[in-house]
């Protein structure tokens, strides 16, 4: 295994909104919504993590998680499955 600093890379379509942090095998990040673009059956959400980093989420409009699209300024939780995380060396 490599040592040192690494960056976590995740494709936007691999992030998803989660309603419950208790899902097994899911890493959860807290973020604040910046902008949301509705695209019919899906949406794109631009958000800011607590450390100030920007993230982009592409997800489907699923009634099991979304009663409505997130609004700018709203806190959200982003779920990432462990197998979807790629680590790259931070040089």
PDB file of N, CA and C in Angstrom:
ATOM      1  N   UNK A   1       0.824  -1.195   0.000  1.00  0.00           N
ATOM      2  CA  UNK A   1       0.000   0.000   0.000  1.00  0.00           C
ATOM      3  C   UNK A   1       0.863   1.251   0.000  1.00  0.00           C
ATOM      4  N   UNK A   2       0.425   2.265  -0.720  1.00  0.00           N
ATOM      5  CA  UNK A   2       1.189   3.509  -0.762  1.00  0.00           C
ATOM      6  C   UNK A   2       0.909   4.346   0.482  1.00  0.00           C
ATOM      7  N   UNK A   3       1.848   5.213   0.788  1.00  0.00           N
ATOM      8  CA  UNK A   3       1.696   6.083   1.955  1.00  0.00           C
ATOM      9  C   UNK A   3       1.686   7.528   1.490  1.00  0.00           C
ATOM     10  N   UNK A   4       1.442   8.445   2.402  1.00  0.00           N
ATOM     11  CA  UNK A   4       1.421   9.863   2.071  1.00  0.00           C
ATOM     12  C   UNK A   4       0.006  10.362   1.836  1.00  0.00           C
ATOM     13  N   UNK A   5      -0.084  11.592   1.356  1.00  0.00           N
ATOM     14  CA  UNK A   5      -1.392  12.227   1.131  1.00  0.00           C
ATOM     15  C   UNK A   5      -2.023  11.716  -0.160  1.00  0.00           C
ATOM     16  N   UNK A   6      -3.329  11.550  -0.101  1.00  0.00           N
ATOM     17  CA  UNK A   6      -4.090  11.108  -1.270  1.00  0.00           C
ATOM     18  C   UNK A   6      -5.348  11.951  -1.418  1.00  0.00           C
ATOM     19  N   UNK A   7      -5.850  12.021  -2.621  1.00  0.00           N
ATOM     20  CA  UNK A   7      -7.126  12.662  -2.905  1.00  0.00           C
ATOM     21  C   UNK A   7      -8.153  11.578  -3.190  1.00  0.00           C
ATOM     22  N   UNK A   8      -9.373  11.808  -2.734  1.00  0.00           N
ATOM     23  CA  UNK A   8     -10.461  10.884  -3.003  1.00  0.00           C
ATOM     24  C   UNK A   8     -11.188  11.383  -4.249  1.00  0.00           C
ATOM     25  N   UNK A   9     -11.343  10.517  -5.238  1.00  0.00           N
ATOM     26  CA  UNK A   9     -12.010  10.878  -6.486  1.00  0.00           C
ATOM     27  C   UNK A   9     -13.237   9.990  -6.643  1.00  0.00           C
ATOM     28  N   UNK A  10     -14.380  10.627  -6.936  1.00  0.00           N
ATOM     29  CA  UNK A  10     -15.638   9.895  -7.120  1.00  0.00           C
ATOM     30  C   UNK A  10     -16.369  10.520  -8.305  1.00  0.00           C
ATOM     31  N   UNK A  11     -16.864   9.713  -9.220  1.00  0.00           N
ATOM     32  CA  UNK A  11     -17.642  10.213 -10.356  1.00  0.00           C
ATOM     33  C   UNK A  11     -18.950  10.824  -9.849  1.00  0.00           C
ATOM     34  N   UNK A  12     -19.424  11.932 -10.457  1.00  0.00           N
ATOM     35  CA  UNK A  12     -20.657  12.600  -9.994  1.00  0.00           C
ATOM     36  C   UNK A  12     -21.877  11.686  -9.945  1.00  0.00           C
ATOM     37  N   UNK A  13     -21.969  10.755 -10.870  1.00  0.00           N
ATOM     38  CA  UNK A  13     -23.128   9.855 -10.882  1.00  0.00           C
ATOM     39  C   UNK A  13     -23.036   8.767  -9.816  1.00  0.00           C
ATOM     40  N   UNK A  14     -21.888   8.643  -9.162  1.00  0.00           N
ATOM     41  CA  UNK A  14     -21.730   7.660  -8.085  1.00  0.00           C
ATOM     42  C   UNK A  14     -22.107   8.236  -6.722  1.00  0.00           C
ATOM     43  N   UNK A  15     -22.181   9.571  -6.609  1.00  0.00           N
ATOM     44  CA  UNK A  15     -22.693  10.202  -5.390  1.00  0.00           C
ATOM     45  C   UNK A  15     -24.208  10.115  -5.409  1.00  0.00           C
ATOM     46  N   UNK A  16     -24.821  10.060  -4.237  1.00  0.00           N
ATOM     47  CA  UNK A  16     -26.286  10.069  -4.189  1.00  0.00           C
ATOM     48  C   UNK A  16     -26.745  10.703  -2.881  1.00  0.00           C
ATOM     49  N   UNK A  17     -27.942  11.240  -2.921  1.00  0.00           N
ATOM     50  CA  UNK A  17     -28.539  11.775  -1.704  1.00  0.00           C
ATOM     51  C   UNK A  17     -28.966  10.617  -0.822  1.00  0.00           C
ATOM     52  N   UNK A  18     -28.716  10.734   0.461  1.00  0.00           N
ATOM     53  CA  UNK A  18     -29.173   9.715   1.405  1.00  0.00           C
ATOM     54  C   UNK A  18     -30.012  10.377   2.485  1.00  0.00           C
ATOM     55  N   UNK A  19     -31.032   9.657   2.913  1.00  0.00           N
ATOM     56  CA  UNK A  19     -31.915  10.168   3.960  1.00  0.00           C
ATOM     57  C   UNK A  19     -31.492   9.674   5.333  1.00  0.00           C
ATOM     58  N   UNK A  20     -30.744   8.564   5.356  1.00  0.00           N
ATOM     59  CA  UNK A  20     -30.378   7.928   6.620  1.00  0.00           C
ATOM     60  C   UNK A  20     -28.903   7.562   6.579  1.00  0.00           C
ATOM     61  N   UNK A  21     -28.148   7.944   7.601  1.00  0.00           N
ATOM     62  CA  UNK A  21     -26.717   7.640   7.635  1.00  0.00           C
ATOM     63  C   UNK A  21     -26.445   6.208   8.071  1.00  0.00           C
ATOM     64  N   UNK A  22     -27.464   5.414   8.298  1.00  0.00           N
ATOM     65  CA  UNK A  22     -27.288   4.057   8.784  1.00  0.00           C
ATOM     66  C   UNK A  22     -27.125   3.000   7.710  1.00  0.00           C
ATOM     67  N   UNK A  23     -27.042   3.395   6.423  1.00  0.00           N
ATOM     68  CA  UNK A  23     -26.875   2.403   5.366  1.00  0.00           C
ATOM     69  C   UNK A  23     -25.528   1.706   5.520  1.00  0.00           C
ATOM     70  N   UNK A  24     -25.522   0.385   5.425  1.00  0.00           N
ATOM     71  CA  UNK A  24     -24.299  -0.399   5.568  1.00  0.00           C
ATOM     72  C   UNK A  24     -23.401  -0.227   4.345  1.00  0.00           C
ATOM     73  N   UNK A  25     -22.102  -0.026   4.577  1.00  0.00           N
ATOM     74  CA  UNK A  25     -21.135   0.077   3.496  1.00  0.00           C
ATOM     75  C   UNK A  25     -21.136   1.403   2.768  1.00  0.00           C
ATOM     76  N   UNK A  26     -21.835   2.395   3.313  1.00  0.00           N
ATOM     77  CA  UNK A  26     -21.926   3.695   2.653  1.00  0.00           C
ATOM     78  C   UNK A  26     -21.174   4.740   3.470  1.00  0.00           C
ATOM     79  N   UNK A  27     -20.304   5.480   2.804  1.00  0.00           N
ATOM     80  CA  UNK A  27     -19.631   6.620   3.415  1.00  0.00           C
ATOM     81  C   UNK A  27     -20.520   7.830   3.192  1.00  0.00           C
ATOM     82  N   UNK A  28     -20.657   8.682   4.194  1.00  0.00           N
ATOM     83  CA  UNK A  28     -21.563   9.826   4.099  1.00  0.00           C
ATOM     84  C   UNK A  28     -20.789  11.119   4.332  1.00  0.00           C
ATOM     85  N   UNK A  29     -21.022  12.090   3.457  1.00  0.00           N
ATOM     86  CA  UNK A  29     -20.439  13.422   3.578  1.00  0.00           C
ATOM     87  C   UNK A  29     -21.560  14.434   3.735  1.00  0.00           C
ATOM     88  N   UNK A  30     -21.358  15.425   4.593  1.00  0.00           N
ATOM     89  CA  UNK A  30     -22.324  16.515   4.742  1.00  0.00           C
ATOM     90  C   UNK A  30     -21.947  17.631   3.783  1.00  0.00           C
ATOM     91  N   UNK A  31     -22.954  18.245   3.179  1.00  0.00           N
ATOM     92  CA  UNK A  31     -22.714  19.328   2.227  1.00  0.00           C
ATOM     93  C   UNK A  31     -23.857  20.328   2.291  1.00  0.00           C
ATOM     94  N   UNK A  32     -23.642  21.475   1.659  1.00  0.00           N
ATOM     95  CA  UNK A  32     -24.670  22.503   1.536  1.00  0.00           C
ATOM     96  C   UNK A  32     -24.924  22.745   0.054  1.00  0.00           C
ATOM     97  N   UNK A  33     -26.191  22.750  -0.333  1.00  0.00           N
ATOM     98  CA  UNK A  33     -26.571  22.914  -1.736  1.00  0.00           C
ATOM     99  C   UNK A  33     -26.241  24.323  -2.214  1.00  0.00           C
ATOM    100  N   UNK A  34     -25.622  24.400  -3.401  1.00  0.00           N
ATOM    101  CA  UNK A  34     -25.363  25.683  -4.031  1.00  0.00           C
ATOM    102  C   UNK A  34     -26.378  25.961  -5.123  1.00  0.00           C
ATOM    103  N   UNK A  35     -26.559  25.006  -6.035  1.00  0.00           N
ATOM    104  CA  UNK A  35     -27.486  25.164  -7.150  1.00  0.00           C
ATOM    105  C   UNK A  35     -27.983  23.787  -7.563  1.00  0.00           C
ATOM    106  N   UNK A  36     -29.202  23.737  -8.093  1.00  0.00           N
ATOM    107  CA  UNK A  36     -29.798  22.485  -8.553  1.00  0.00           C
ATOM    108  C   UNK A  36     -30.385  22.712  -9.938  1.00  0.00           C
ATOM    109  N   UNK A  37     -30.102  21.790 -10.851  1.00  0.00           N
ATOM    110  CA  UNK A  37     -30.665  21.859 -12.199  1.00  0.00           C
ATOM    111  C   UNK A  37     -31.532  20.626 -12.409  1.00  0.00           C
ATOM    112  N   UNK A  38     -32.839  20.843 -12.555  1.00  0.00           N
ATOM    113  CA  UNK A  38     -33.805  19.763 -12.782  1.00  0.00           C
ATOM    114  C   UNK A  38     -33.706  19.323 -14.237  1.00  0.00           C
ATOM    115  N   UNK A  39     -33.663  17.994 -14.470  1.00  0.00           N
ATOM    116  CA  UNK A  39     -33.524  17.459 -15.822  1.00  0.00           C
ATOM    117  C   UNK A  39     -34.574  16.386 -16.118  1.00  0.00           C
ATOM    118  N   UNK A  40     -35.786  16.562 -15.614  1.00  0.00           N
ATOM    119  CA  UNK A  40     -36.845  15.580 -15.850  1.00  0.00           C
ATOM    120  C   UNK A  40     -36.786  14.466 -14.830  1.00  0.00           C
ATOM    121  N   UNK A  41     -36.252  13.305 -15.221  1.00  0.00           N
ATOM    122  CA  UNK A  41     -36.173  12.174 -14.291  1.00  0.00           C
ATOM    123  C   UNK A  41     -34.934  12.220 -13.406  1.00  0.00           C
ATOM    124  N   UNK A  42     -34.066  13.215 -13.625  1.00  0.00           N
ATOM    125  CA  UNK A  42     -32.840  13.334 -12.837  1.00  0.00           C
ATOM    126  C   UNK A  42     -32.551  14.812 -12.561  1.00  0.00           C
ATOM    127  N   UNK A  43     -31.479  15.049 -11.810  1.00  0.00           N
ATOM    128  CA  UNK A  43     -31.063  16.417 -11.505  1.00  0.00           C
ATOM    129  C   UNK A  43     -29.560  16.454 -11.286  1.00  0.00           C
ATOM    130  N   UNK A  44     -28.994  17.644 -11.408  1.00  0.00           N
ATOM    131  CA  UNK A  44     -27.593  17.893 -11.090  1.00  0.00           C
ATOM    132  C   UNK A  44     -27.583  18.868  -9.922  1.00  0.00           C
ATOM    133  N   UNK A  45     -26.788  18.564  -8.917  1.00  0.00           N
ATOM    134  CA  UNK A  45     -26.710  19.411  -7.730  1.00  0.00           C
ATOM    135  C   UNK A  45     -25.250  19.796  -7.506  1.00  0.00           C
ATOM    136  N   UNK A  46     -25.004  21.090  -7.407  1.00  0.00           N
ATOM    137  CA  UNK A  46     -23.680  21.605  -7.073  1.00  0.00           C
ATOM    138  C   UNK A  46     -23.713  21.951  -5.589  1.00  0.00           C
ATOM    139  N   UNK A  47     -22.769  21.413  -4.833  1.00  0.00           N
ATOM    140  CA  UNK A  47     -22.788  21.599  -3.383  1.00  0.00           C
ATOM    141  C   UNK A  47     -21.379  21.859  -2.866  1.00  0.00           C
ATOM    142  N   UNK A  48     -21.312  22.315  -1.618  1.00  0.00           N
ATOM    143  CA  UNK A  48     -20.044  22.600  -0.963  1.00  0.00           C
ATOM    144  C   UNK A  48     -19.926  21.741   0.287  1.00  0.00           C
ATOM    145  N   UNK A  49     -18.810  21.014   0.397  1.00  0.00           N
ATOM    146  CA  UNK A  49     -18.548  20.221   1.594  1.00  0.00           C
ATOM    147  C   UNK A  49     -18.154  21.149   2.735  1.00  0.00           C
ATOM    148  N   UNK A  50     -18.129  20.612   3.948  1.00  0.00           N
ATOM    149  CA  UNK A  50     -17.783  21.423   5.126  1.00  0.00           C
ATOM    150  C   UNK A  50     -16.388  22.032   5.041  1.00  0.00           C
ATOM    151  N   UNK A  51     -15.471  21.361   4.319  1.00  0.00           N
ATOM    152  CA  UNK A  51     -14.108  21.898   4.201  1.00  0.00           C
ATOM    153  C   UNK A  51     -13.968  22.910   3.065  1.00  0.00           C
ATOM    154  N   UNK A  52     -15.088  23.236   2.394  1.00  0.00           N
ATOM    155  CA  UNK A  52     -15.069  24.235   1.333  1.00  0.00           C
ATOM    156  C   UNK A  52     -14.911  23.678  -0.070  1.00  0.00           C
ATOM    157  N   UNK A  53     -14.651  22.390  -0.191  1.00  0.00           N
ATOM    158  CA  UNK A  53     -14.502  21.791  -1.521  1.00  0.00           C
ATOM    159  C   UNK A  53     -15.854  21.686  -2.214  1.00  0.00           C
ATOM    160  N   UNK A  54     -15.830  21.893  -3.521  1.00  0.00           N
ATOM    161  CA  UNK A  54     -17.043  21.823  -4.331  1.00  0.00           C
ATOM    162  C   UNK A  54     -17.233  20.401  -4.853  1.00  0.00           C
ATOM    163  N   UNK A  55     -18.480  19.937  -4.872  1.00  0.00           N
ATOM    164  CA  UNK A  55     -18.803  18.625  -5.431  1.00  0.00           C
ATOM    165  C   UNK A  55     -20.000  18.766  -6.366  1.00  0.00           C
ATOM    166  N   UNK A  56     -20.076  17.849  -7.318  1.00  0.00           N
ATOM    167  CA  UNK A  56     -21.204  17.788  -8.243  1.00  0.00           C
ATOM    168  C   UNK A  56     -21.850  16.425  -8.102  1.00  0.00           C
ATOM    169  N   UNK A  57     -23.151  16.420  -7.954  1.00  0.00           N
ATOM    170  CA  UNK A  57     -23.929  15.191  -7.783  1.00  0.00           C
ATOM    171  C   UNK A  57     -24.907  15.080  -8.940  1.00  0.00           C
ATOM    172  N   UNK A  58     -24.968  13.915  -9.568  1.00  0.00           N
ATOM    173  CA  UNK A  58     -26.000  13.615 -10.566  1.00  0.00           C
ATOM    174  C   UNK A  58     -26.801  12.451 -10.020  1.00  0.00           C
ATOM    175  N   UNK A  59     -28.109  12.639  -9.868  1.00  0.00           N
ATOM    176  CA  UNK A  59     -28.932  11.584  -9.272  1.00  0.00           C
ATOM    177  C   UNK A  59     -30.302  11.582  -9.925  1.00  0.00           C
ATOM    178  N   UNK A  60     -31.008  10.487  -9.737  1.00  0.00           N
ATOM    179  CA  UNK A  60     -32.380  10.371 -10.231  1.00  0.00           C
ATOM    180  C   UNK A  60     -33.342  10.910  -9.185  1.00  0.00           C
ATOM    181  N   UNK A  61     -34.474  11.393  -9.633  1.00  0.00           N
ATOM    182  CA  UNK A  61     -35.522  11.884  -8.734  1.00  0.00           C
ATOM    183  C   UNK A  61     -36.253  10.669  -8.175  1.00  0.00           C
ATOM    184  N   UNK A  62     -35.785  10.175  -7.031  1.00  0.00           N
ATOM    185  CA  UNK A  62     -36.346   8.965  -6.418  1.00  0.00           C
ATOM    186  C   UNK A  62     -37.216   9.352  -5.238  1.00  0.00           C
ATOM    187  N   UNK A  63     -38.453   8.904  -5.240  1.00  0.00           N
ATOM    188  CA  UNK A  63     -39.387   9.278  -4.177  1.00  0.00           C
ATOM    189  C   UNK A  63     -39.008   8.689  -2.820  1.00  0.00           C
ATOM    190  N   UNK A  64     -38.171   7.639  -2.798  1.00  0.00           N
ATOM    191  CA  UNK A  64     -37.774   7.056  -1.512  1.00  0.00           C
ATOM    192  C   UNK A  64     -36.817   7.967  -0.742  1.00  0.00           C
ATOM    193  N   UNK A  65     -36.185   8.911  -1.414  1.00  0.00           N
ATOM    194  CA  UNK A  65     -35.265   9.832  -0.759  1.00  0.00           C
ATOM    195  C   UNK A  65     -35.742  11.281  -0.886  1.00  0.00           C
ATOM    196  N   UNK A  66     -36.301  11.620  -2.025  1.00  0.00           N
ATOM    197  CA  UNK A  66     -36.662  13.012  -2.309  1.00  0.00           C
ATOM    198  C   UNK A  66     -38.160  13.244  -2.281  1.00  0.00           C
ATOM    199  N   UNK A  67     -38.619  14.074  -1.378  1.00  0.00           N
ATOM    200  CA  UNK A  67     -40.000  14.559  -1.442  1.00  0.00           C
ATOM    201  C   UNK A  67     -40.031  15.762  -2.379  1.00  0.00           C
ATOM    202  N   UNK A  68     -38.888  16.467  -2.452  1.00  0.00           N
ATOM    203  CA  UNK A  68     -38.716  17.613  -3.346  1.00  0.00           C
ATOM    204  C   UNK A  68     -37.226  17.749  -3.623  1.00  0.00           C
ATOM    205  N   UNK A  69     -36.894  18.485  -4.661  1.00  0.00           N
ATOM    206  CA  UNK A  69     -35.480  18.725  -4.951  1.00  0.00           C
ATOM    207  C   UNK A  69     -34.860  19.568  -3.840  1.00  0.00           C
ATOM    208  N   UNK A  70     -33.579  19.353  -3.531  1.00  0.00           N
ATOM    209  CA  UNK A  70     -32.940  20.189  -2.517  1.00  0.00           C
ATOM    210  C   UNK A  70     -32.862  21.638  -2.995  1.00  0.00           C
ATOM    211  N   UNK A  71     -32.948  22.567  -2.072  1.00  0.00           N
ATOM    212  CA  UNK A  71     -32.931  23.996  -2.388  1.00  0.00           C
ATOM    213  C   UNK A  71     -31.569  24.598  -2.043  1.00  0.00           C
ATOM    214  N   UNK A  72     -31.162  25.659  -2.749  1.00  0.00           N
ATOM    215  CA  UNK A  72     -29.906  26.331  -2.411  1.00  0.00           C
ATOM    216  C   UNK A  72     -29.862  26.721  -0.931  1.00  0.00           C
ATOM    217  N   UNK A  73     -28.717  26.435  -0.300  1.00  0.00           N
ATOM    218  CA  UNK A  73     -28.532  26.726   1.116  1.00  0.00           C
ATOM    219  C   UNK A  73     -28.947  25.595   2.040  1.00  0.00           C
ATOM    220  N   UNK A  74     -29.615  24.586   1.497  1.00  0.00           N
ATOM    221  CA  UNK A  74     -30.103  23.467   2.306  1.00  0.00           C
ATOM    222  C   UNK A  74     -28.979  22.470   2.595  1.00  0.00           C
ATOM    223  N   UNK A  75     -28.896  21.954   3.834  1.00  0.00           N
ATOM    224  CA  UNK A  75     -27.915  20.906   4.130  1.00  0.00           C
ATOM    225  C   UNK A  75     -28.385  19.573   3.542  1.00  0.00           C
ATOM    226  N   UNK A  76     -27.438  18.795   3.012  1.00  0.00           N
ATOM    227  CA  UNK A  76     -27.749  17.474   2.461  1.00  0.00           C
ATOM    228  C   UNK A  76     -26.682  16.488   2.907  1.00  0.00           C
ATOM    229  N   UNK A  77     -26.990  15.201   2.781  1.00  0.00           N
ATOM    230  CA  UNK A  77     -26.025  14.139   3.039  1.00  0.00           C
ATOM    231  C   UNK A  77     -25.805  13.391   1.733  1.00  0.00           C
ATOM    232  N   UNK A  78     -24.537  13.196   1.378  1.00  0.00           N
ATOM    233  CA  UNK A  78     -24.168  12.509   0.155  1.00  0.00           C
ATOM    234  C   UNK A  78     -23.612  11.138   0.497  1.00  0.00           C
ATOM    235  N   UNK A  79     -24.141  10.108  -0.132  1.00  0.00           N
ATOM    236  CA  UNK A  79     -23.668   8.753   0.094  1.00  0.00           C
ATOM    237  C   UNK A  79     -22.721   8.313  -1.007  1.00  0.00           C
ATOM    238  N   UNK A  80     -21.672   7.595  -0.612  1.00  0.00           N
ATOM    239  CA  UNK A  80     -20.690   7.059  -1.554  1.00  0.00           C
ATOM    240  C   UNK A  80     -20.408   5.618  -1.155  1.00  0.00           C
ATOM    241  N   UNK A  81     -20.609   4.689  -2.070  1.00  0.00           N
ATOM    242  CA  UNK A  81     -20.247   3.303  -1.802  1.00  0.00           C
ATOM    243  C   UNK A  81     -18.728   3.173  -1.845  1.00  0.00           C
ATOM    244  N   UNK A  82     -18.176   2.374  -0.944  1.00  0.00           N
ATOM    245  CA  UNK A  82     -16.725   2.232  -0.828  1.00  0.00           C
ATOM    246  C   UNK A  82     -16.077   1.816  -2.147  1.00  0.00           C
ATOM    247  N   UNK A  83     -16.729   0.943  -2.916  1.00  0.00           N
ATOM    248  CA  UNK A  83     -16.127   0.464  -4.170  1.00  0.00           C
ATOM    249  C   UNK A  83     -16.088   1.543  -5.255  1.00  0.00           C
ATOM    250  N   UNK A  84     -16.774   2.666  -5.055  1.00  0.00           N
ATOM    251  CA  UNK A  84     -16.787   3.750  -6.040  1.00  0.00           C
ATOM    252  C   UNK A  84     -15.738   4.822  -5.762  1.00  0.00           C
ATOM    253  N   UNK A  85     -14.962   4.651  -4.699  1.00  0.00           N
ATOM    254  CA  UNK A  85     -13.930   5.623  -4.330  1.00  0.00           C
ATOM    255  C   UNK A  85     -12.599   5.223  -4.955  1.00  0.00           C
ATOM    256  N   UNK A  86     -11.951   6.191  -5.600  1.00  0.00           N
ATOM    257  CA  UNK A  86     -10.622   5.982  -6.167  1.00  0.00           C
ATOM    258  C   UNK A  86      -9.675   6.940  -5.456  1.00  0.00           C
ATOM    259  N   UNK A  87      -8.555   6.429  -4.970  1.00  0.00           N
ATOM    260  CA  UNK A  87      -7.548   7.270  -4.322  1.00  0.00           C
ATOM    261  C   UNK A  87      -6.409   7.536  -5.297  1.00  0.00           C
ATOM    262  N   UNK A  88      -6.003   8.798  -5.389  1.00  0.00           N
ATOM    263  CA  UNK A  88      -4.860   9.170  -6.219  1.00  0.00           C
ATOM    264  C   UNK A  88      -3.879   9.939  -5.347  1.00  0.00           C
ATOM    265  N   UNK A  89      -2.596   9.762  -5.622  1.00  0.00           N
ATOM    266  CA  UNK A  89      -1.562  10.439  -4.837  1.00  0.00           C
ATOM    267  C   UNK A  89      -1.685  11.945  -5.008  1.00  0.00           C
ATOM    268  N   UNK A  90      -1.601  12.667  -3.897  1.00  0.00           N
ATOM    269  CA  UNK A  90      -1.644  14.129  -3.904  1.00  0.00           C
ATOM    270  C   UNK A  90      -0.211  14.625  -3.957  1.00  0.00           C
ATOM    271  N   UNK A  91       0.184  15.139  -5.107  1.00  0.00           N
ATOM    272  CA  UNK A  91       1.579  15.566  -5.268  1.00  0.00           C
ATOM    273  C   UNK A  91       1.649  17.013  -5.138  1.00  0.00           C
TER     274      UNK A  91
END
